[in-house]
Amino acid sequence: MFTIAKKCANSAITILPPCVRERFVQLLSRHVKVDIYGKCGLQPPQDLDAILDNDYAFYLGFENSFCQDYMTEKLFQYYKRDLITVVRGSMGYAKYLPQETFVNAADFRSVKELGEFLNRLSNNEDEYIEYLRRKDSYEVYEREYVFRDAMCKFCNNNTPTLTAKSLGDTDSGN
C-alpha cells in the first residue's frame, strides 16, 4: 500500500543533461536526498513514470538558462503528477502558477535553507498533502493538445480559405 511517508523517504528526483544545473543539485544534495537521472547521473529506469508517482516527494525542474520570458515545459509535465515541483530560474512563476502548489528556489536565501524547507515539508504529511490538494484543483493540458489547438487558431486566423483534408495533413505541413 502506498503511503505519503514512504514516498517522502526518497525526497527528490531530477533528470539532467550535462549543464550548470548540476552544481546547484550537488549543493542541494548535501541537505536533501536527491537521485539524479540522465547523462549527469543514473540511467532512467524503464518504469520512470511509476517511480515518479510512487517514490519521490519532489521533482527538481530547474531551468537550463535564466531567461526572463522562458519557463521549462517540464514544470507542466510534472505538475500533474503526485509530487511537488521545485523550480529554479528567472521566470516569475507566481504570475502563472497558484501559490503553494510548487516550491521556488529563489524564495530561499540559501541552498541550505531550501533543503531544510524540503525536509520539513516531506516530514509534515498534512502540509505536503495540502500542496497536492491545491495542485489537484487545477488542470494541465497536454502539450500536443495545446500546440494543435494553437496551430488551428493560427491557421484559421491567417489563411481561412485553406483547409486541411485531415489532421494528418496538418501535422505533415501539407
N, C-alpha and C. Protein backbone atom coordinates (compact mmCIF):
# COMPACT_ATOMS: atom_id res chain seq x y z
N MET A 1 0.84 -1.19 0.00
CA MET A 1 0.00 0.00 0.00
C MET A 1 0.88 1.24 0.00
N PHE A 2 0.51 2.21 -0.81
CA PHE A 2 1.27 3.45 -0.91
C PHE A 2 0.95 4.37 0.25
N THR A 3 1.97 4.98 0.81
CA THR A 3 1.76 5.99 1.84
C THR A 3 2.64 7.18 1.54
N ILE A 4 2.18 8.36 1.96
CA ILE A 4 2.97 9.58 1.78
C ILE A 4 4.30 9.43 2.51
N ALA A 5 4.30 8.82 3.68
CA ALA A 5 5.53 8.67 4.46
C ALA A 5 6.57 7.88 3.68
N LYS A 6 6.17 6.81 3.01
CA LYS A 6 7.11 6.01 2.21
C LYS A 6 7.66 6.85 1.07
N LYS A 7 6.78 7.58 0.42
CA LYS A 7 7.18 8.40 -0.72
C LYS A 7 8.18 9.47 -0.30
N CYS A 8 7.91 10.12 0.81
CA CYS A 8 8.76 11.22 1.25
C CYS A 8 10.14 10.76 1.70
N ALA A 9 10.30 9.50 1.97
CA ALA A 9 11.61 8.99 2.39
C ALA A 9 12.64 9.14 1.27
N ASN A 10 12.20 9.12 0.02
CA ASN A 10 13.12 9.23 -1.11
C ASN A 10 13.41 10.67 -1.51
N SER A 11 12.64 11.60 -1.07
CA SER A 11 12.82 13.02 -1.27
C SER A 11 12.73 13.46 -2.72
N ALA A 12 13.84 13.75 -3.41
CA ALA A 12 13.77 14.45 -4.70
C ALA A 12 14.41 13.68 -5.83
N ILE A 13 13.92 13.94 -7.03
CA ILE A 13 14.46 13.35 -8.25
C ILE A 13 14.66 14.46 -9.26
N THR A 14 15.68 14.32 -10.09
CA THR A 14 15.87 15.22 -11.22
C THR A 14 16.44 14.42 -12.37
N ILE A 15 16.16 14.89 -13.57
CA ILE A 15 16.68 14.25 -14.79
C ILE A 15 17.42 15.34 -15.54
N LEU A 16 18.76 15.25 -15.56
CA LEU A 16 19.58 16.34 -16.06
C LEU A 16 20.48 15.96 -17.22
N PRO A 17 20.53 16.82 -18.24
CA PRO A 17 21.63 16.72 -19.20
C PRO A 17 22.84 17.43 -18.58
N PRO A 18 24.04 17.24 -19.13
CA PRO A 18 25.20 17.93 -18.57
C PRO A 18 25.01 19.45 -18.65
N CYS A 19 25.15 20.13 -17.52
CA CYS A 19 24.92 21.57 -17.52
C CYS A 19 25.27 22.16 -16.16
N VAL A 20 25.08 23.47 -16.04
CA VAL A 20 25.39 24.14 -14.78
C VAL A 20 24.39 23.84 -13.68
N ARG A 21 23.20 23.34 -14.03
CA ARG A 21 22.22 22.96 -13.00
C ARG A 21 22.81 21.91 -12.07
N GLU A 22 23.70 21.10 -12.62
CA GLU A 22 24.27 20.00 -11.85
C GLU A 22 24.93 20.51 -10.57
N ARG A 23 25.61 21.64 -10.62
CA ARG A 23 26.30 22.19 -9.45
C ARG A 23 25.29 22.54 -8.35
N PHE A 24 24.18 23.17 -8.73
CA PHE A 24 23.16 23.52 -7.75
C PHE A 24 22.57 22.26 -7.12
N VAL A 25 22.32 21.25 -7.94
CA VAL A 25 21.78 19.99 -7.43
C VAL A 25 22.77 19.33 -6.47
N GLN A 26 24.05 19.38 -6.80
CA GLN A 26 25.07 18.82 -5.91
C GLN A 26 25.06 19.53 -4.56
N LEU A 27 24.94 20.86 -4.58
CA LEU A 27 24.87 21.61 -3.33
C LEU A 27 23.61 21.25 -2.54
N LEU A 28 22.49 21.13 -3.24
CA LEU A 28 21.24 20.78 -2.58
C LEU A 28 21.30 19.37 -1.98
N SER A 29 22.00 18.48 -2.66
CA SER A 29 22.07 17.08 -2.18
C SER A 29 22.85 16.95 -0.87
N ARG A 30 23.52 18.00 -0.44
CA ARG A 30 24.15 17.99 0.89
C ARG A 30 23.10 18.08 2.00
N HIS A 31 21.90 18.55 1.63
CA HIS A 31 20.85 18.80 2.62
C HIS A 31 19.61 17.93 2.43
N VAL A 32 19.42 17.42 1.20
CA VAL A 32 18.24 16.61 0.86
C VAL A 32 18.72 15.44 0.01
N LYS A 33 18.14 14.29 0.22
CA LYS A 33 18.48 13.14 -0.63
C LYS A 33 17.94 13.41 -2.03
N VAL A 34 18.84 13.40 -3.02
CA VAL A 34 18.47 13.66 -4.42
C VAL A 34 19.01 12.52 -5.28
N ASP A 35 18.15 11.94 -6.08
CA ASP A 35 18.56 10.96 -7.08
C ASP A 35 18.63 11.66 -8.42
N ILE A 36 19.75 11.51 -9.11
CA ILE A 36 19.97 12.18 -10.39
C ILE A 36 19.96 11.15 -11.50
N TYR A 37 19.09 11.37 -12.48
CA TYR A 37 19.00 10.51 -13.66
C TYR A 37 19.36 11.32 -14.89
N GLY A 38 19.80 10.64 -15.93
CA GLY A 38 20.18 11.31 -17.18
C GLY A 38 21.68 11.23 -17.37
N LYS A 39 22.19 12.04 -18.28
CA LYS A 39 23.63 12.00 -18.59
C LYS A 39 24.49 12.39 -17.40
N CYS A 40 23.93 13.13 -16.46
CA CYS A 40 24.68 13.52 -15.26
C CYS A 40 24.57 12.50 -14.14
N GLY A 41 23.80 11.45 -14.33
CA GLY A 41 23.60 10.50 -13.24
C GLY A 41 23.27 9.11 -13.73
N LEU A 42 22.30 8.51 -13.08
CA LEU A 42 21.90 7.14 -13.37
C LEU A 42 21.08 7.05 -14.65
N GLN A 43 21.09 5.87 -15.25
CA GLN A 43 20.24 5.60 -16.42
C GLN A 43 18.79 5.61 -15.94
N PRO A 44 17.90 6.39 -16.59
CA PRO A 44 16.50 6.37 -16.16
C PRO A 44 15.91 4.97 -16.30
N PRO A 45 15.18 4.50 -15.30
CA PRO A 45 14.58 3.17 -15.37
C PRO A 45 13.44 3.12 -16.38
N GLN A 46 13.11 1.92 -16.83
CA GLN A 46 12.01 1.74 -17.79
C GLN A 46 10.69 2.24 -17.20
N ASP A 47 10.49 2.02 -15.92
CA ASP A 47 9.23 2.40 -15.28
C ASP A 47 9.34 3.75 -14.57
N LEU A 48 9.95 4.73 -15.25
CA LEU A 48 10.18 6.05 -14.65
C LEU A 48 8.88 6.69 -14.17
N ASP A 49 7.80 6.56 -14.93
CA ASP A 49 6.53 7.16 -14.52
C ASP A 49 6.06 6.60 -13.19
N ALA A 50 6.15 5.30 -13.01
CA ALA A 50 5.72 4.68 -11.76
C ALA A 50 6.61 5.14 -10.61
N ILE A 51 7.90 5.23 -10.86
CA ILE A 51 8.83 5.68 -9.82
C ILE A 51 8.53 7.12 -9.42
N LEU A 52 8.29 7.98 -10.41
CA LEU A 52 7.95 9.37 -10.11
C LEU A 52 6.71 9.46 -9.24
N ASP A 53 5.69 8.71 -9.61
CA ASP A 53 4.42 8.79 -8.89
C ASP A 53 4.46 8.15 -7.51
N ASN A 54 5.29 7.14 -7.33
CA ASN A 54 5.25 6.37 -6.08
C ASN A 54 6.42 6.59 -5.13
N ASP A 55 7.56 7.02 -5.65
CA ASP A 55 8.77 7.01 -4.82
C ASP A 55 9.34 8.37 -4.45
N TYR A 56 8.88 9.44 -5.07
CA TYR A 56 9.51 10.74 -4.84
C TYR A 56 8.51 11.79 -4.39
N ALA A 57 8.95 12.63 -3.46
CA ALA A 57 8.12 13.72 -2.96
C ALA A 57 8.26 14.97 -3.83
N PHE A 58 9.45 15.16 -4.44
CA PHE A 58 9.73 16.38 -5.20
C PHE A 58 10.37 16.06 -6.54
N TYR A 59 10.09 16.92 -7.52
CA TYR A 59 10.81 16.89 -8.80
C TYR A 59 11.53 18.22 -8.93
N LEU A 60 12.83 18.16 -9.20
CA LEU A 60 13.62 19.38 -9.37
C LEU A 60 13.55 19.79 -10.84
N GLY A 61 12.74 20.79 -11.13
CA GLY A 61 12.55 21.28 -12.50
C GLY A 61 13.31 22.56 -12.70
N PHE A 62 14.63 22.47 -12.76
CA PHE A 62 15.46 23.66 -12.87
C PHE A 62 15.67 24.05 -14.32
N GLU A 63 15.64 25.35 -14.59
CA GLU A 63 15.83 25.87 -15.94
C GLU A 63 17.28 25.66 -16.38
N ASN A 64 17.46 25.46 -17.70
CA ASN A 64 18.82 25.34 -18.22
C ASN A 64 19.39 26.70 -18.58
N SER A 65 18.55 27.74 -18.58
CA SER A 65 19.02 29.11 -18.78
C SER A 65 18.08 30.04 -18.03
N PHE A 66 18.59 31.16 -17.61
CA PHE A 66 17.81 32.11 -16.83
C PHE A 66 17.34 33.23 -17.74
N CYS A 67 16.35 32.95 -18.57
CA CYS A 67 15.77 33.94 -19.48
C CYS A 67 14.47 34.44 -18.89
N GLN A 68 14.24 35.73 -18.97
CA GLN A 68 13.06 36.34 -18.36
C GLN A 68 11.75 35.76 -18.88
N ASP A 69 11.67 35.46 -20.15
CA ASP A 69 10.40 35.01 -20.74
C ASP A 69 10.38 33.52 -21.04
N TYR A 70 11.14 32.74 -20.31
CA TYR A 70 11.19 31.30 -20.57
C TYR A 70 10.81 30.53 -19.31
N MET A 71 9.94 29.54 -19.50
CA MET A 71 9.58 28.65 -18.41
C MET A 71 9.64 27.22 -18.96
N THR A 72 10.35 26.36 -18.27
CA THR A 72 10.54 25.00 -18.75
C THR A 72 9.22 24.25 -18.92
N GLU A 73 9.12 23.49 -19.98
CA GLU A 73 7.92 22.67 -20.21
C GLU A 73 7.83 21.56 -19.17
N LYS A 74 8.96 21.20 -18.57
CA LYS A 74 8.96 20.14 -17.57
C LYS A 74 8.12 20.51 -16.35
N LEU A 75 8.05 21.80 -16.08
CA LEU A 75 7.22 22.24 -14.96
C LEU A 75 5.79 21.75 -15.14
N PHE A 76 5.25 21.91 -16.33
CA PHE A 76 3.87 21.50 -16.59
C PHE A 76 3.76 19.99 -16.77
N GLN A 77 4.81 19.39 -17.30
CA GLN A 77 4.82 17.94 -17.50
C GLN A 77 4.71 17.21 -16.15
N TYR A 78 5.38 17.72 -15.14
CA TYR A 78 5.38 17.07 -13.83
C TYR A 78 4.37 17.68 -12.86
N TYR A 79 3.79 18.80 -13.22
CA TYR A 79 2.83 19.49 -12.35
C TYR A 79 1.62 18.61 -12.05
N LYS A 80 1.22 17.80 -13.01
CA LYS A 80 0.02 16.97 -12.82
C LYS A 80 0.31 15.67 -12.06
N ARG A 81 1.55 15.41 -11.75
CA ARG A 81 1.91 14.20 -11.01
C ARG A 81 1.75 14.43 -9.51
N ASP A 82 1.74 13.33 -8.77
CA ASP A 82 1.60 13.41 -7.32
C ASP A 82 2.95 13.64 -6.65
N LEU A 83 3.57 14.72 -7.03
CA LEU A 83 4.78 15.19 -6.37
C LEU A 83 4.82 16.70 -6.53
N ILE A 84 5.67 17.35 -5.79
CA ILE A 84 5.76 18.81 -5.82
C ILE A 84 6.99 19.20 -6.62
N THR A 85 6.79 20.10 -7.58
CA THR A 85 7.91 20.55 -8.40
C THR A 85 8.64 21.69 -7.70
N VAL A 86 9.96 21.59 -7.67
CA VAL A 86 10.82 22.66 -7.17
C VAL A 86 11.41 23.33 -8.40
N VAL A 87 11.17 24.64 -8.55
CA VAL A 87 11.63 25.36 -9.73
C VAL A 87 12.81 26.26 -9.38
N ARG A 88 13.61 26.55 -10.40
CA ARG A 88 14.73 27.48 -10.25
C ARG A 88 14.99 28.10 -11.61
N GLY A 89 14.83 29.40 -11.69
CA GLY A 89 15.03 30.13 -12.94
C GLY A 89 14.66 31.59 -12.72
N SER A 90 14.67 32.38 -13.79
CA SER A 90 14.40 33.80 -13.63
C SER A 90 12.95 34.16 -13.86
N MET A 91 12.14 33.22 -14.29
CA MET A 91 10.74 33.48 -14.59
C MET A 91 9.97 33.80 -13.31
N GLY A 92 9.01 34.69 -13.41
CA GLY A 92 8.12 35.00 -12.29
C GLY A 92 7.04 33.94 -12.18
N TYR A 93 7.38 32.80 -11.62
CA TYR A 93 6.48 31.65 -11.57
C TYR A 93 5.15 31.99 -10.90
N ALA A 94 5.18 32.83 -9.89
CA ALA A 94 3.96 33.16 -9.14
C ALA A 94 2.93 33.87 -10.02
N LYS A 95 3.36 34.46 -11.13
CA LYS A 95 2.41 35.09 -12.05
C LYS A 95 1.57 34.05 -12.77
N TYR A 96 2.11 32.84 -12.93
CA TYR A 96 1.47 31.83 -13.76
C TYR A 96 0.98 30.60 -13.00
N LEU A 97 1.47 30.42 -11.80
CA LEU A 97 1.12 29.22 -11.03
C LEU A 97 0.52 29.60 -9.69
N PRO A 98 -0.47 28.85 -9.24
CA PRO A 98 -1.07 29.13 -7.93
C PRO A 98 -0.05 28.94 -6.80
N GLN A 99 -0.11 29.82 -5.82
CA GLN A 99 0.79 29.74 -4.68
C GLN A 99 0.62 28.41 -3.95
N GLU A 100 1.70 27.96 -3.38
CA GLU A 100 1.75 26.73 -2.58
C GLU A 100 1.29 25.50 -3.36
N THR A 101 1.60 25.50 -4.68
CA THR A 101 1.44 24.29 -5.49
C THR A 101 2.80 23.88 -6.05
N PHE A 102 3.82 24.69 -5.78
CA PHE A 102 5.19 24.44 -6.22
C PHE A 102 6.11 25.12 -5.21
N VAL A 103 7.40 24.83 -5.30
CA VAL A 103 8.39 25.48 -4.44
C VAL A 103 9.38 26.19 -5.36
N ASN A 104 9.63 27.47 -5.10
CA ASN A 104 10.56 28.25 -5.90
C ASN A 104 11.86 28.42 -5.12
N ALA A 105 12.95 27.92 -5.67
CA ALA A 105 14.26 28.01 -5.00
C ALA A 105 14.65 29.46 -4.73
N ALA A 106 14.16 30.39 -5.55
CA ALA A 106 14.50 31.81 -5.38
C ALA A 106 13.89 32.41 -4.11
N ASP A 107 12.93 31.73 -3.52
CA ASP A 107 12.30 32.22 -2.29
C ASP A 107 13.14 31.95 -1.04
N PHE A 108 14.29 31.32 -1.22
CA PHE A 108 15.13 30.95 -0.08
C PHE A 108 16.47 31.66 -0.19
N ARG A 109 17.03 32.05 0.97
CA ARG A 109 18.29 32.79 0.99
C ARG A 109 19.49 31.93 0.63
N SER A 110 19.36 30.62 0.79
CA SER A 110 20.49 29.73 0.52
C SER A 110 20.00 28.36 0.10
N VAL A 111 20.90 27.58 -0.46
CA VAL A 111 20.59 26.19 -0.82
C VAL A 111 20.27 25.41 0.45
N LYS A 112 21.00 25.69 1.51
CA LYS A 112 20.75 25.01 2.79
C LYS A 112 19.33 25.29 3.28
N GLU A 113 18.89 26.54 3.21
CA GLU A 113 17.54 26.89 3.65
C GLU A 113 16.48 26.19 2.80
N LEU A 114 16.71 26.10 1.49
CA LEU A 114 15.80 25.36 0.61
C LEU A 114 15.75 23.89 1.03
N GLY A 115 16.90 23.29 1.25
CA GLY A 115 16.96 21.90 1.68
C GLY A 115 16.23 21.65 2.99
N GLU A 116 16.41 22.56 3.94
CA GLU A 116 15.72 22.43 5.23
C GLU A 116 14.21 22.51 5.04
N PHE A 117 13.75 23.41 4.15
CA PHE A 117 12.32 23.53 3.88
C PHE A 117 11.78 22.24 3.26
N LEU A 118 12.50 21.70 2.28
CA LEU A 118 12.05 20.46 1.63
C LEU A 118 11.99 19.31 2.62
N ASN A 119 12.98 19.22 3.49
CA ASN A 119 12.97 18.17 4.52
C ASN A 119 11.78 18.35 5.47
N ARG A 120 11.54 19.59 5.89
CA ARG A 120 10.41 19.85 6.79
C ARG A 120 9.10 19.50 6.11
N LEU A 121 8.95 19.92 4.84
CA LEU A 121 7.71 19.65 4.11
C LEU A 121 7.50 18.15 3.90
N SER A 122 8.56 17.44 3.56
CA SER A 122 8.42 16.00 3.33
C SER A 122 8.15 15.23 4.62
N ASN A 123 8.50 15.81 5.76
CA ASN A 123 8.24 15.17 7.05
C ASN A 123 6.91 15.59 7.68
N ASN A 124 6.23 16.56 7.07
CA ASN A 124 4.94 17.02 7.56
C ASN A 124 3.87 16.57 6.57
N GLU A 125 3.33 15.39 6.82
CA GLU A 125 2.40 14.77 5.88
C GLU A 125 1.19 15.66 5.57
N ASP A 126 0.64 16.32 6.59
CA ASP A 126 -0.54 17.17 6.37
C ASP A 126 -0.23 18.33 5.43
N GLU A 127 0.89 19.00 5.66
CA GLU A 127 1.26 20.14 4.81
C GLU A 127 1.59 19.68 3.39
N TYR A 128 2.28 18.56 3.29
CA TYR A 128 2.62 18.02 1.97
C TYR A 128 1.34 17.68 1.18
N ILE A 129 0.41 17.03 1.84
CA ILE A 129 -0.86 16.67 1.18
C ILE A 129 -1.62 17.92 0.77
N GLU A 130 -1.55 18.98 1.56
CA GLU A 130 -2.22 20.24 1.19
C GLU A 130 -1.66 20.80 -0.12
N TYR A 131 -0.35 20.74 -0.30
CA TYR A 131 0.24 21.16 -1.59
C TYR A 131 -0.37 20.35 -2.73
N LEU A 132 -0.44 19.04 -2.54
CA LEU A 132 -1.00 18.18 -3.60
C LEU A 132 -2.48 18.48 -3.84
N ARG A 133 -3.22 18.72 -2.79
CA ARG A 133 -4.66 19.03 -2.95
C ARG A 133 -4.85 20.34 -3.71
N ARG A 134 -4.07 21.35 -3.36
CA ARG A 134 -4.18 22.63 -4.08
C ARG A 134 -3.85 22.42 -5.56
N LYS A 135 -2.81 21.66 -5.82
CA LYS A 135 -2.42 21.37 -7.21
C LYS A 135 -3.52 20.64 -7.96
N ASP A 136 -4.15 19.69 -7.29
CA ASP A 136 -5.19 18.87 -7.93
C ASP A 136 -6.43 19.67 -8.31
N SER A 137 -6.58 20.86 -7.77
CA SER A 137 -7.75 21.66 -8.12
C SER A 137 -7.54 22.44 -9.43
N TYR A 138 -6.38 22.24 -10.07
CA TYR A 138 -6.08 22.88 -11.35
C TYR A 138 -5.82 21.81 -12.39
N GLU A 139 -5.99 22.18 -13.64
CA GLU A 139 -5.81 21.23 -14.73
C GLU A 139 -4.66 21.68 -15.63
N VAL A 140 -3.86 20.73 -16.06
CA VAL A 140 -2.77 20.99 -17.00
C VAL A 140 -3.12 20.27 -18.30
N TYR A 141 -3.07 21.00 -19.38
CA TYR A 141 -3.37 20.40 -20.68
C TYR A 141 -2.11 19.84 -21.31
N GLU A 142 -2.25 18.73 -21.99
CA GLU A 142 -1.12 18.10 -22.66
C GLU A 142 -0.55 19.03 -23.72
N ARG A 143 0.74 19.03 -23.86
CA ARG A 143 1.44 19.90 -24.81
C ARG A 143 0.92 19.71 -26.23
N GLU A 144 0.71 18.47 -26.64
CA GLU A 144 0.26 18.20 -28.01
C GLU A 144 -1.11 18.81 -28.26
N TYR A 145 -2.00 18.73 -27.28
CA TYR A 145 -3.33 19.29 -27.42
C TYR A 145 -3.25 20.80 -27.56
N VAL A 146 -2.50 21.44 -26.69
CA VAL A 146 -2.38 22.90 -26.71
C VAL A 146 -1.73 23.35 -28.01
N PHE A 147 -0.68 22.66 -28.46
CA PHE A 147 0.01 23.05 -29.69
C PHE A 147 -0.92 22.93 -30.89
N ARG A 148 -1.62 21.82 -31.00
CA ARG A 148 -2.54 21.65 -32.14
C ARG A 148 -3.64 22.69 -32.12
N ASP A 149 -4.19 22.96 -30.95
CA ASP A 149 -5.23 23.97 -30.83
C ASP A 149 -4.70 25.33 -31.26
N ALA A 150 -3.50 25.67 -30.80
CA ALA A 150 -2.90 26.96 -31.18
C ALA A 150 -2.64 27.03 -32.67
N MET A 151 -2.16 25.93 -33.25
CA MET A 151 -1.89 25.92 -34.70
C MET A 151 -3.19 26.06 -35.49
N CYS A 152 -4.26 25.42 -35.06
CA CYS A 152 -5.55 25.56 -35.74
C CYS A 152 -6.03 27.01 -35.69
N LYS A 153 -5.90 27.63 -34.53
CA LYS A 153 -6.31 29.03 -34.41
C LYS A 153 -5.44 29.92 -35.30
N PHE A 154 -4.15 29.65 -35.33
CA PHE A 154 -3.23 30.41 -36.18
C PHE A 154 -3.63 30.29 -37.65
N CYS A 155 -3.86 29.07 -38.09
CA CYS A 155 -4.23 28.85 -39.49
C CYS A 155 -5.58 29.48 -39.82
N ASN A 156 -6.54 29.34 -38.93
CA ASN A 156 -7.87 29.92 -39.17
C ASN A 156 -7.82 31.44 -39.24
N ASN A 157 -6.97 32.04 -38.45
CA ASN A 157 -6.86 33.50 -38.44
C ASN A 157 -6.09 34.03 -39.64
N ASN A 158 -5.17 33.25 -40.17
CA ASN A 158 -4.29 33.76 -41.22
C ASN A 158 -4.61 33.24 -42.61
N THR A 159 -5.18 32.07 -42.72
CA THR A 159 -5.50 31.51 -44.04
C THR A 159 -6.86 30.83 -43.99
N PRO A 160 -7.93 31.61 -43.79
CA PRO A 160 -9.25 30.98 -43.62
C PRO A 160 -9.76 30.27 -44.86
N THR A 161 -9.19 30.53 -46.03
CA THR A 161 -9.67 29.87 -47.24
C THR A 161 -9.02 28.51 -47.45
N LEU A 162 -7.93 28.22 -46.76
CA LEU A 162 -7.25 26.93 -46.91
C LEU A 162 -7.77 25.96 -45.85
N THR A 163 -8.03 24.75 -46.25
CA THR A 163 -8.46 23.73 -45.29
C THR A 163 -7.62 22.48 -45.47
N ALA A 164 -7.42 21.79 -44.40
CA ALA A 164 -6.69 20.53 -44.45
C ALA A 164 -7.69 19.41 -44.68
N LYS A 165 -7.27 18.38 -45.42
CA LYS A 165 -8.13 17.23 -45.68
C LYS A 165 -8.29 16.38 -44.43
N SER A 166 -7.24 16.35 -43.61
CA SER A 166 -7.28 15.57 -42.37
C SER A 166 -6.27 16.15 -41.40
N LEU A 167 -6.36 15.73 -40.16
CA LEU A 167 -5.40 16.20 -39.16
C LEU A 167 -3.99 15.80 -39.54
N GLY A 168 -3.83 14.64 -40.18
CA GLY A 168 -2.51 14.20 -40.64
C GLY A 168 -1.91 15.17 -41.63
N ASP A 169 -2.73 15.75 -42.50
CA ASP A 169 -2.23 16.74 -43.45
C ASP A 169 -1.71 17.97 -42.72
N THR A 170 -2.36 18.34 -41.64
CA THR A 170 -1.93 19.49 -40.85
C THR A 170 -0.59 19.20 -40.19
N ASP A 171 -0.44 18.00 -39.63
CA ASP A 171 0.81 17.64 -38.95
C ASP A 171 1.99 17.55 -39.89
N SER A 172 1.77 17.14 -41.13
CA SER A 172 2.89 16.95 -42.06
C SER A 172 3.28 18.23 -42.77
N GLY A 173 2.53 19.31 -42.57
CA GLY A 173 2.86 20.57 -43.20
C GLY A 173 2.25 20.74 -44.58
N ASN A 174 1.43 19.80 -45.05
CA ASN A 174 0.78 19.91 -46.37
C ASN A 174 -0.47 20.77 -46.31
